[in-house]
Amino acid sequence: MALDMFVYRIRQYIGAYFFVLGKVDALVFTAGIGEHDPLTREKCCEGLESFGLLLDREKNQTGREQARAISQSDSAVKIFVIPTNEELEIARQTVEVLKTSCE
């Protein structure tokens, strides 16, 4: 039930952004769950074919640890998984703050 509620909220945001933006070129999954949980990605895309989102289930299951498209080749809206490195970004921003505060 928790997964279903989580996915429901994500789908609400996807729908809202489609409405607000008018045209969407890509849907990107990133960070921990977005990068590592094919089931959540699949559930988030289920039923959104009318928005032009066509998930390739095989691609969704493979290619971990690298940026990749997981949409079908004829998908009007491309679907990507983009790995992130939050710890590195936090470290970079910390260095910038320290540089600024030491000047």
PDB file of N, CA and C in Angstrom:
ATOM      1  N   MET A   1       0.830  -1.190   0.000  1.00  0.00           N
ATOM      2  CA  MET A   1       0.000   0.000   0.000  1.00  0.00           C
ATOM      3  C   MET A   1       0.877   1.257   0.000  1.00  0.00           C
ATOM      4  N   ALA A   2       1.981   1.211   0.746  1.00  0.00           N
ATOM      5  CA  ALA A   2       2.874   2.378   0.796  1.00  0.00           C
ATOM      6  C   ALA A   2       3.450   2.665  -0.590  1.00  0.00           C
ATOM      7  N   LEU A   3       3.872   1.617  -1.309  1.00  0.00           N
ATOM      8  CA  LEU A   3       4.404   1.807  -2.658  1.00  0.00           C
ATOM      9  C   LEU A   3       3.335   2.380  -3.577  1.00  0.00           C
ATOM     10  N   ASP A   4       2.126   1.874  -3.476  1.00  0.00           N
ATOM     11  CA  ASP A   4       1.039   2.377  -4.316  1.00  0.00           C
ATOM     12  C   ASP A   4       0.771   3.858  -4.051  1.00  0.00           C
ATOM     13  N   MET A   5       0.798   4.267  -2.803  1.00  0.00           N
ATOM     14  CA  MET A   5       0.579   5.687  -2.468  1.00  0.00           C
ATOM     15  C   MET A   5       1.738   6.545  -2.967  1.00  0.00           C
ATOM     16  N   PHE A   6       2.961   6.058  -2.821  1.00  0.00           N
ATOM     17  CA  PHE A   6       4.146   6.766  -3.296  1.00  0.00           C
ATOM     18  C   PHE A   6       4.055   6.981  -4.806  1.00  0.00           C
ATOM     19  N   VAL A   7       3.743   5.904  -5.538  1.00  0.00           N
ATOM     20  CA  VAL A   7       3.625   5.986  -6.994  1.00  0.00           C
ATOM     21  C   VAL A   7       2.479   6.910  -7.393  1.00  0.00           C
ATOM     22  N   TYR A   8       1.378   6.851  -6.681  1.00  0.00           N
ATOM     23  CA  TYR A   8       0.230   7.715  -6.962  1.00  0.00           C
ATOM     24  C   TYR A   8       0.638   9.189  -6.890  1.00  0.00           C
ATOM     25  N   ARG A   9       1.386   9.548  -5.867  1.00  0.00           N
ATOM     26  CA  ARG A   9       1.835  10.947  -5.722  1.00  0.00           C
ATOM     27  C   ARG A   9       2.774  11.350  -6.859  1.00  0.00           C
ATOM     28  N   ILE A  10       3.686  10.452  -7.229  1.00  0.00           N
ATOM     29  CA  ILE A  10       4.600  10.763  -8.339  1.00  0.00           C
ATOM     30  C   ILE A  10       3.810  10.960  -9.621  1.00  0.00           C
ATOM     31  N   ARG A  11       2.848  10.095  -9.878  1.00  0.00           N
ATOM     32  CA  ARG A  11       2.033  10.213 -11.086  1.00  0.00           C
ATOM     33  C   ARG A  11       1.230  11.511 -11.088  1.00  0.00           C
ATOM     34  N   GLN A  12       0.778  11.952  -9.926  1.00  0.00           N
ATOM     35  CA  GLN A  12       0.094  13.244  -9.840  1.00  0.00           C
ATOM     36  C   GLN A  12       1.022  14.372 -10.298  1.00  0.00           C
ATOM     37  N   TYR A  13       2.268  14.337  -9.839  1.00  0.00           N
ATOM     38  CA  TYR A  13       3.232  15.362 -10.238  1.00  0.00           C
ATOM     39  C   TYR A  13       3.534  15.288 -11.731  1.00  0.00           C
ATOM     40  N   ILE A  14       3.697  14.073 -12.255  1.00  0.00           N
ATOM     41  CA  ILE A  14       3.958  13.924 -13.690  1.00  0.00           C
ATOM     42  C   ILE A  14       2.812  14.552 -14.485  1.00  0.00           C
ATOM     43  N   GLY A  15       1.594  14.213 -14.131  1.00  0.00           N
ATOM     44  CA  GLY A  15       0.426  14.769 -14.821  1.00  0.00           C
ATOM     45  C   GLY A  15       0.354  16.278 -14.705  1.00  0.00           C
ATOM     46  N   ALA A  16       0.629  16.797 -13.519  1.00  0.00           N
ATOM     47  CA  ALA A  16       0.591  18.250 -13.310  1.00  0.00           C
ATOM     48  C   ALA A  16       1.633  18.954 -14.167  1.00  0.00           C
ATOM     49  N   TYR A  17       2.834  18.410 -14.221  1.00  0.00           N
ATOM     50  CA  TYR A  17       3.886  19.030 -15.034  1.00  0.00           C
ATOM     51  C   TYR A  17       3.556  18.953 -16.525  1.00  0.00           C
ATOM     52  N   PHE A  18       2.969  17.858 -16.974  1.00  0.00           N
ATOM     53  CA  PHE A  18       2.547  17.780 -18.369  1.00  0.00           C
ATOM     54  C   PHE A  18       1.552  18.900 -18.668  1.00  0.00           C
ATOM     55  N   PHE A  19       0.606  19.114 -17.772  1.00  0.00           N
ATOM     56  CA  PHE A  19      -0.407  20.151 -17.961  1.00  0.00           C
ATOM     57  C   PHE A  19       0.225  21.539 -17.957  1.00  0.00           C
ATOM     58  N   VAL A  20       1.076  21.816 -16.983  1.00  0.00           N
ATOM     59  CA  VAL A  20       1.680  23.141 -16.841  1.00  0.00           C
ATOM     60  C   VAL A  20       2.635  23.449 -17.993  1.00  0.00           C
ATOM     61  N   LEU A  21       3.453  22.476 -18.382  1.00  0.00           N
ATOM     62  CA  LEU A  21       4.459  22.714 -19.415  1.00  0.00           C
ATOM     63  C   LEU A  21       3.878  22.688 -20.825  1.00  0.00           C
ATOM     64  N   GLY A  22       2.804  21.956 -21.029  1.00  0.00           N
ATOM     65  CA  GLY A  22       2.198  21.887 -22.349  1.00  0.00           C
ATOM     66  C   GLY A  22       2.863  20.870 -23.254  1.00  0.00           C
ATOM     67  N   LYS A  23       4.182  20.897 -23.328  1.00  0.00           N
ATOM     68  CA  LYS A  23       4.943  19.935 -24.123  1.00  0.00           C
ATOM     69  C   LYS A  23       6.097  19.442 -23.274  1.00  0.00           C
ATOM     70  N   VAL A  24       6.265  18.131 -23.254  1.00  0.00           N
ATOM     71  CA  VAL A  24       7.333  17.529 -22.468  1.00  0.00           C
ATOM     72  C   VAL A  24       8.190  16.684 -23.403  1.00  0.00           C
ATOM     73  N   ASP A  25       9.506  16.879 -23.320  1.00  0.00           N
ATOM     74  CA  ASP A  25      10.432  16.121 -24.157  1.00  0.00           C
ATOM     75  C   ASP A  25      10.918  14.849 -23.476  1.00  0.00           C
ATOM     76  N   ALA A  26      11.034  14.885 -22.139  1.00  0.00           N
ATOM     77  CA  ALA A  26      11.608  13.730 -21.444  1.00  0.00           C
ATOM     78  C   ALA A  26      11.125  13.672 -20.000  1.00  0.00           C
ATOM     79  N   LEU A  27      11.090  12.462 -19.498  1.00  0.00           N
ATOM     80  CA  LEU A  27      10.853  12.184 -18.086  1.00  0.00           C
ATOM     81  C   LEU A  27      12.139  11.558 -17.572  1.00  0.00           C
ATOM     82  N   VAL A  28      12.689  12.098 -16.493  1.00  0.00           N
ATOM     83  CA  VAL A  28      13.972  11.628 -15.984  1.00  0.00           C
ATOM     84  C   VAL A  28      13.794  11.081 -14.572  1.00  0.00           C
ATOM     85  N   PHE A  29      14.282   9.869 -14.376  1.00  0.00           N
ATOM     86  CA  PHE A  29      14.338   9.265 -13.048  1.00  0.00           C
ATOM     87  C   PHE A  29      15.776   9.376 -12.564  1.00  0.00           C
ATOM     88  N   THR A  30      15.948   9.801 -11.310  1.00  0.00           N
ATOM     89  CA  THR A  30      17.286   9.991 -10.774  1.00  0.00           C
ATOM     90  C   THR A  30      17.285   9.731  -9.279  1.00  0.00           C
ATOM     91  N   ALA A  31      18.442   9.827  -8.671  1.00  0.00           N
ATOM     92  CA  ALA A  31      18.637   9.616  -7.232  1.00  0.00           C
ATOM     93  C   ALA A  31      18.350   8.159  -6.861  1.00  0.00           C
ATOM     94  N   GLY A  32      18.341   7.865  -5.597  1.00  0.00           N
ATOM     95  CA  GLY A  32      18.297   6.488  -5.114  1.00  0.00           C
ATOM     96  C   GLY A  32      17.214   5.629  -5.725  1.00  0.00           C
ATOM     97  N   ILE A  33      15.966   5.959  -5.511  1.00  0.00           N
ATOM     98  CA  ILE A  33      14.865   5.137  -6.005  1.00  0.00           C
ATOM     99  C   ILE A  33      14.781   5.225  -7.522  1.00  0.00           C
ATOM    100  N   GLY A  34      14.907   6.427  -8.062  1.00  0.00           N
ATOM    101  CA  GLY A  34      14.814   6.601  -9.509  1.00  0.00           C
ATOM    102  C   GLY A  34      15.883   5.848 -10.273  1.00  0.00           C
ATOM    103  N   GLU A  35      17.064   5.745  -9.689  1.00  0.00           N
ATOM    104  CA  GLU A  35      18.173   5.039 -10.344  1.00  0.00           C
ATOM    105  C   GLU A  35      18.106   3.524 -10.158  1.00  0.00           C
ATOM    106  N   HIS A  36      17.634   3.077  -9.003  1.00  0.00           N
ATOM    107  CA  HIS A  36      17.833   1.681  -8.614  1.00  0.00           C
ATOM    108  C   HIS A  36      16.574   0.835  -8.486  1.00  0.00           C
ATOM    109  N   ASP A  37      15.402   1.388  -8.767  1.00  0.00           N
ATOM    110  CA  ASP A  37      14.179   0.616  -8.552  1.00  0.00           C
ATOM    111  C   ASP A  37      13.329   0.542  -9.822  1.00  0.00           C
ATOM    112  N   PRO A  38      13.572  -0.479 -10.650  1.00  0.00           N
ATOM    113  CA  PRO A  38      12.805  -0.600 -11.892  1.00  0.00           C
ATOM    114  C   PRO A  38      11.303  -0.776 -11.660  1.00  0.00           C
ATOM    115  N   LEU A  39      10.912  -1.425 -10.567  1.00  0.00           N
ATOM    116  CA  LEU A  39       9.488  -1.613 -10.296  1.00  0.00           C
ATOM    117  C   LEU A  39       8.800  -0.268 -10.091  1.00  0.00           C
ATOM    118  N   THR A  40       9.398   0.619  -9.311  1.00  0.00           N
ATOM    119  CA  THR A  40       8.799   1.935  -9.082  1.00  0.00           C
ATOM    120  C   THR A  40       8.722   2.716 -10.384  1.00  0.00           C
ATOM    121  N   ARG A  41       9.797   2.683 -11.192  1.00  0.00           N
ATOM    122  CA  ARG A  41       9.760   3.387 -12.482  1.00  0.00           C
ATOM    123  C   ARG A  41       8.632   2.849 -13.359  1.00  0.00           C
ATOM    124  N   GLU A  42       8.505   1.528 -13.404  1.00  0.00           N
ATOM    125  CA  GLU A  42       7.456   0.923 -14.226  1.00  0.00           C
ATOM    126  C   GLU A  42       6.070   1.338 -13.753  1.00  0.00           C
ATOM    127  N   LYS A  43       5.852   1.274 -12.448  1.00  0.00           N
ATOM    128  CA  LYS A  43       4.544   1.650 -11.906  1.00  0.00           C
ATOM    129  C   LYS A  43       4.234   3.130 -12.160  1.00  0.00           C
ATOM    130  N   CYS A  44       5.262   3.969 -12.107  1.00  0.00           N
ATOM    131  CA  CYS A  44       5.058   5.401 -12.355  1.00  0.00           C
ATOM    132  C   CYS A  44       4.637   5.672 -13.796  1.00  0.00           C
ATOM    133  N   CYS A  45       5.088   4.846 -14.715  1.00  0.00           N
ATOM    134  CA  CYS A  45       4.791   5.052 -16.140  1.00  0.00           C
ATOM    135  C   CYS A  45       3.540   4.318 -16.614  1.00  0.00           C
ATOM    136  N   GLU A  46       3.043   3.384 -15.820  1.00  0.00           N
ATOM    137  CA  GLU A  46       1.862   2.608 -16.209  1.00  0.00           C
ATOM    138  C   GLU A  46       0.675   3.525 -16.467  1.00  0.00           C
ATOM    139  N   GLY A  47       0.008   3.293 -17.597  1.00  0.00           N
ATOM    140  CA  GLY A  47      -1.194   4.054 -17.908  1.00  0.00           C
ATOM    141  C   GLY A  47      -0.944   5.453 -18.434  1.00  0.00           C
ATOM    142  N   LEU A  48       0.304   5.816 -18.650  1.00  0.00           N
ATOM    143  CA  LEU A  48       0.609   7.166 -19.136  1.00  0.00           C
ATOM    144  C   LEU A  48       0.956   7.159 -20.627  1.00  0.00           C
ATOM    145  N   GLU A  49       0.580   6.104 -21.312  1.00  0.00           N
ATOM    146  CA  GLU A  49       0.853   6.013 -22.746  1.00  0.00           C
ATOM    147  C   GLU A  49       0.184   7.146 -23.521  1.00  0.00           C
ATOM    148  N   SER A  50      -0.985   7.589 -23.062  1.00  0.00           N
ATOM    149  CA  SER A  50      -1.673   8.686 -23.761  1.00  0.00           C
ATOM    150  C   SER A  50      -0.899   9.999 -23.667  1.00  0.00           C
ATOM    151  N   PHE A  51       0.041  10.091 -22.731  1.00  0.00           N
ATOM    152  CA  PHE A  51       0.921  11.251 -22.628  1.00  0.00           C
ATOM    153  C   PHE A  51       2.154  11.098 -23.525  1.00  0.00           C
ATOM    154  N   GLY A  52       2.276   9.947 -24.186  1.00  0.00           N
ATOM    155  CA  GLY A  52       3.420   9.697 -25.048  1.00  0.00           C
ATOM    156  C   GLY A  52       4.560   8.977 -24.366  1.00  0.00           C
ATOM    157  N   LEU A  53       4.319   8.466 -23.156  1.00  0.00           N
ATOM    158  CA  LEU A  53       5.350   7.743 -22.403  1.00  0.00           C
ATOM    159  C   LEU A  53       5.223   6.248 -22.663  1.00  0.00           C
ATOM    160  N   LEU A  54       6.199   5.711 -23.395  1.00  0.00           N
ATOM    161  CA  LEU A  54       6.204   4.282 -23.693  1.00  0.00           C
ATOM    162  C   LEU A  54       7.464   3.666 -23.101  1.00  0.00           C
ATOM    163  N   LEU A  55       7.303   3.010 -21.968  1.00  0.00           N
ATOM    164  CA  LEU A  55       8.425   2.387 -21.270  1.00  0.00           C
ATOM    165  C   LEU A  55       8.806   1.075 -21.941  1.00  0.00           C
ATOM    166  N   ASP A  56      10.092   0.871 -22.138  1.00  0.00           N
ATOM    167  CA  ASP A  56      10.607  -0.410 -22.616  1.00  0.00           C
ATOM    168  C   ASP A  56      10.964  -1.221 -21.375  1.00  0.00           C
ATOM    169  N   ARG A  57      10.179  -2.240 -21.081  1.00  0.00           N
ATOM    170  CA  ARG A  57      10.358  -3.001 -19.832  1.00  0.00           C
ATOM    171  C   ARG A  57      11.725  -3.674 -19.753  1.00  0.00           C
ATOM    172  N   GLU A  58      12.254  -4.134 -20.869  1.00  0.00           N
ATOM    173  CA  GLU A  58      13.567  -4.785 -20.854  1.00  0.00           C
ATOM    174  C   GLU A  58      14.671  -3.765 -20.546  1.00  0.00           C
ATOM    175  N   LYS A  59      14.640  -2.616 -21.202  1.00  0.00           N
ATOM    176  CA  LYS A  59      15.634  -1.574 -20.928  1.00  0.00           C
ATOM    177  C   LYS A  59      15.531  -1.094 -19.486  1.00  0.00           C
ATOM    178  N   ASN A  60      14.313  -1.065 -18.958  1.00  0.00           N
ATOM    179  CA  ASN A  60      14.097  -0.618 -17.584  1.00  0.00           C
ATOM    180  C   ASN A  60      14.784  -1.533 -16.578  1.00  0.00           C
ATOM    181  N   GLN A  61      14.975  -2.790 -16.947  1.00  0.00           N
ATOM    182  CA  GLN A  61      15.572  -3.770 -16.035  1.00  0.00           C
ATOM    183  C   GLN A  61      17.090  -3.855 -16.140  1.00  0.00           C
ATOM    184  N   THR A  62      17.689  -3.251 -17.165  1.00  0.00           N
ATOM    185  CA  THR A  62      19.116  -3.436 -17.430  1.00  0.00           C
ATOM    186  C   THR A  62      19.876  -2.113 -17.413  1.00  0.00           C
ATOM    187  N   GLY A  63      21.210  -2.225 -17.486  1.00  0.00           N
ATOM    188  CA  GLY A  63      22.064  -1.055 -17.656  1.00  0.00           C
ATOM    189  C   GLY A  63      22.281  -0.234 -16.417  1.00  0.00           C
ATOM    190  N   ARG A  64      22.324  -0.833 -15.301  1.00  0.00           N
ATOM    191  CA  ARG A  64      22.512  -0.090 -14.041  1.00  0.00           C
ATOM    192  C   ARG A  64      23.840   0.655 -14.015  1.00  0.00           C
ATOM    193  N   GLU A  65      23.881   1.722 -13.240  1.00  0.00           N
ATOM    194  CA  GLU A  65      25.090   2.529 -12.999  1.00  0.00           C
ATOM    195  C   GLU A  65      25.523   3.380 -14.185  1.00  0.00           C
ATOM    196  N   GLN A  66      24.666   3.536 -15.178  1.00  0.00           N
ATOM    197  CA  GLN A  66      25.015   4.405 -16.294  1.00  0.00           C
ATOM    198  C   GLN A  66      23.765   5.142 -16.763  1.00  0.00           C
ATOM    199  N   ALA A  67      23.956   6.323 -17.311  1.00  0.00           N
ATOM    200  CA  ALA A  67      22.828   7.065 -17.879  1.00  0.00           C
ATOM    201  C   ALA A  67      22.307   6.283 -19.072  1.00  0.00           C
ATOM    202  N   ARG A  68      20.982   6.215 -19.172  1.00  0.00           N
ATOM    203  CA  ARG A  68      20.411   5.436 -20.258  1.00  0.00           C
ATOM    204  C   ARG A  68      18.958   5.814 -20.510  1.00  0.00           C
ATOM    205  N   ALA A  69      18.540   5.577 -21.748  1.00  0.00           N
ATOM    206  CA  ALA A  69      17.130   5.726 -22.105  1.00  0.00           C
ATOM    207  C   ALA A  69      16.440   4.402 -21.796  1.00  0.00           C
ATOM    208  N   ILE A  70      15.246   4.489 -21.215  1.00  0.00           N
ATOM    209  CA  ILE A  70      14.484   3.275 -20.924  1.00  0.00           C
ATOM    210  C   ILE A  70      13.127   3.316 -21.629  1.00  0.00           C
ATOM    211  N   SER A  71      12.971   4.262 -22.543  1.00  0.00           N
ATOM    212  CA  SER A  71      11.736   4.354 -23.311  1.00  0.00           C
ATOM    213  C   SER A  71      11.844   3.512 -24.577  1.00  0.00           C
ATOM    214  N   GLN A  72      10.692   3.180 -25.133  1.00  0.00           N
ATOM    215  CA  GLN A  72      10.671   2.504 -26.417  1.00  0.00           C
ATOM    216  C   GLN A  72      11.161   3.478 -27.483  1.00  0.00           C
ATOM    217  N   SER A  73      11.691   2.956 -28.566  1.00  0.00           N
ATOM    218  CA  SER A  73      12.257   3.828 -29.596  1.00  0.00           C
ATOM    219  C   SER A  73      11.212   4.760 -30.207  1.00  0.00           C
ATOM    220  N   ASP A  74       9.943   4.374 -30.201  1.00  0.00           N
ATOM    221  CA  ASP A  74       8.894   5.219 -30.785  1.00  0.00           C
ATOM    222  C   ASP A  74       8.144   6.057 -29.743  1.00  0.00           C
ATOM    223  N   SER A  75       8.671   6.140 -28.543  1.00  0.00           N
ATOM    224  CA  SER A  75       8.037   6.926 -27.486  1.00  0.00           C
ATOM    225  C   SER A  75       8.129   8.417 -27.814  1.00  0.00           C
ATOM    226  N   ALA A  76       7.003   9.116 -27.803  1.00  0.00           N
ATOM    227  CA  ALA A  76       6.994  10.555 -28.078  1.00  0.00           C
ATOM    228  C   ALA A  76       7.745  11.325 -27.000  1.00  0.00           C
ATOM    229  N   VAL A  77       7.646  10.851 -25.769  1.00  0.00           N
ATOM    230  CA  VAL A  77       8.376  11.439 -24.646  1.00  0.00           C
ATOM    231  C   VAL A  77       9.425  10.417 -24.220  1.00  0.00           C
ATOM    232  N   LYS A  78      10.688  10.808 -24.267  1.00  0.00           N
ATOM    233  CA  LYS A  78      11.762   9.896 -23.891  1.00  0.00           C
ATOM    234  C   LYS A  78      11.793   9.739 -22.370  1.00  0.00           C
ATOM    235  N   ILE A  79      12.177   8.564 -21.926  1.00  0.00           N
ATOM    236  CA  ILE A  79      12.288   8.275 -20.492  1.00  0.00           C
ATOM    237  C   ILE A  79      13.736   7.894 -20.223  1.00  0.00           C
ATOM    238  N   PHE A  80      14.350   8.583 -19.258  1.00  0.00           N
ATOM    239  CA  PHE A  80      15.760   8.360 -18.950  1.00  0.00           C
ATOM    240  C   PHE A  80      15.961   8.017 -17.484  1.00  0.00           C
ATOM    241  N   VAL A  81      17.048   7.309 -17.221  1.00  0.00           N
ATOM    242  CA  VAL A  81      17.572   7.127 -15.870  1.00  0.00           C
ATOM    243  C   VAL A  81      18.937   7.801 -15.877  1.00  0.00           C
ATOM    244  N   ILE A  82      19.124   8.767 -14.992  1.00  0.00           N
ATOM    245  CA  ILE A  82      20.375   9.520 -14.915  1.00  0.00           C
ATOM    246  C   ILE A  82      20.953   9.362 -13.505  1.00  0.00           C
ATOM    247  N   PRO A  83      22.073   8.668 -13.372  1.00  0.00           N
ATOM    248  CA  PRO A  83      22.694   8.524 -12.046  1.00  0.00           C
ATOM    249  C   PRO A  83      23.153   9.872 -11.487  1.00  0.00           C
ATOM    250  N   THR A  84      23.093   9.986 -10.184  1.00  0.00           N
ATOM    251  CA  THR A  84      23.567  11.194  -9.512  1.00  0.00           C
ATOM    252  C   THR A  84      24.621  10.810  -8.482  1.00  0.00           C
ATOM    253  N   ASN A  85      25.324  11.808  -8.025  1.00  0.00           N
ATOM    254  CA  ASN A  85      26.303  11.610  -6.960  1.00  0.00           C
ATOM    255  C   ASN A  85      26.083  12.743  -5.960  1.00  0.00           C
ATOM    256  N   GLU A  86      25.069  12.574  -5.115  1.00  0.00           N
ATOM    257  CA  GLU A  86      24.701  13.633  -4.185  1.00  0.00           C
ATOM    258  C   GLU A  86      25.842  13.990  -3.237  1.00  0.00           C
ATOM    259  N   GLU A  87      26.578  12.984  -2.795  1.00  0.00           N
ATOM    260  CA  GLU A  87      27.667  13.246  -1.850  1.00  0.00           C
ATOM    261  C   GLU A  87      28.736  14.132  -2.468  1.00  0.00           C
ATOM    262  N   LEU A  88      29.068  13.893  -3.732  1.00  0.00           N
ATOM    263  CA  LEU A  88      30.055  14.725  -4.417  1.00  0.00           C
ATOM    264  C   LEU A  88      29.550  16.157  -4.553  1.00  0.00           C
ATOM    265  N   GLU A  89      28.296  16.321  -4.898  1.00  0.00           N
ATOM    266  CA  GLU A  89      27.739  17.672  -5.038  1.00  0.00           C
ATOM    267  C   GLU A  89      27.715  18.399  -3.689  1.00  0.00           C
ATOM    268  N   ILE A  90      27.374  17.705  -2.629  1.00  0.00           N
ATOM    269  CA  ILE A  90      27.406  18.314  -1.293  1.00  0.00           C
ATOM    270  C   ILE A  90      28.824  18.758  -0.958  1.00  0.00           C
ATOM    271  N   ALA A  91      29.799  17.908  -1.258  1.00  0.00           N
ATOM    272  CA  ALA A  91      31.200  18.256  -0.989  1.00  0.00           C
ATOM    273  C   ALA A  91      31.620  19.484  -1.800  1.00  0.00           C
ATOM    274  N   ARG A  92      31.257  19.543  -3.075  1.00  0.00           N
ATOM    275  CA  ARG A  92      31.602  20.700  -3.914  1.00  0.00           C
ATOM    276  C   ARG A  92      30.992  21.986  -3.370  1.00  0.00           C
ATOM    277  N   GLN A  93      29.726  21.926  -2.997  1.00  0.00           N
ATOM    278  CA  GLN A  93      29.072  23.122  -2.475  1.00  0.00           C
ATOM    279  C   GLN A  93      29.667  23.531  -1.134  1.00  0.00           C
ATOM    280  N   THR A  94      30.049  22.576  -0.319  1.00  0.00           N
ATOM    281  CA  THR A  94      30.694  22.876   0.956  1.00  0.00           C
ATOM    282  C   THR A  94      32.010  23.598   0.736  1.00  0.00           C
ATOM    283  N   VAL A  95      32.793  23.126  -0.216  1.00  0.00           N
ATOM    284  CA  VAL A  95      34.073  23.785  -0.544  1.00  0.00           C
ATOM    285  C   VAL A  95      33.816  25.214  -0.986  1.00  0.00           C
ATOM    286  N   GLU A  96      32.810  25.442  -1.811  1.00  0.00           N
ATOM    287  CA  GLU A  96      32.499  26.809  -2.274  1.00  0.00           C
ATOM    288  C   GLU A  96      32.105  27.720  -1.105  1.00  0.00           C
ATOM    289  N   VAL A  97      31.308  27.213  -0.194  1.00  0.00           N
ATOM    290  CA  VAL A  97      30.895  27.991   0.967  1.00  0.00           C
ATOM    291  C   VAL A  97      32.108  28.331   1.825  1.00  0.00           C
ATOM    292  N   LEU A  98      32.984  27.357   2.032  1.00  0.00           N
ATOM    293  CA  LEU A  98      34.175  27.591   2.830  1.00  0.00           C
ATOM    294  C   LEU A  98      35.108  28.602   2.160  1.00  0.00           C
ATOM    295  N   LYS A  99      35.260  28.526   0.855  1.00  0.00           N
ATOM    296  CA  LYS A  99      36.081  29.489   0.125  1.00  0.00           C
ATOM    297  C   LYS A  99      35.537  30.902   0.299  1.00  0.00           C
ATOM    298  N   THR A 100      34.240  31.045   0.165  1.00  0.00           N
ATOM    299  CA  THR A 100      33.589  32.346   0.278  1.00  0.00           C
ATOM    300  C   THR A 100      33.701  32.905   1.682  1.00  0.00           C
ATOM    301  N   SER A 101      33.520  32.069   2.681  1.00  0.00           N
ATOM    302  CA  SER A 101      33.526  32.545   4.071  1.00  0.00           C
ATOM    303  C   SER A 101      34.952  32.841   4.562  1.00  0.00           C
ATOM    304  N   CYS A 102      35.964  32.295   3.891  1.00  0.00           N
ATOM    305  CA  CYS A 102      37.358  32.527   4.302  1.00  0.00           C
ATOM    306  C   CYS A 102      37.970  33.729   3.602  1.00  0.00           C
ATOM    307  N   GLU A 103      37.275  34.317   2.664  1.00  0.00           N
ATOM    308  CA  GLU A 103      37.826  35.474   1.945  1.00  0.00           C
ATOM    309  C   GLU A 103      37.666  36.749   2.703  1.00  0.00           C
TER     310      GLU A 103
END
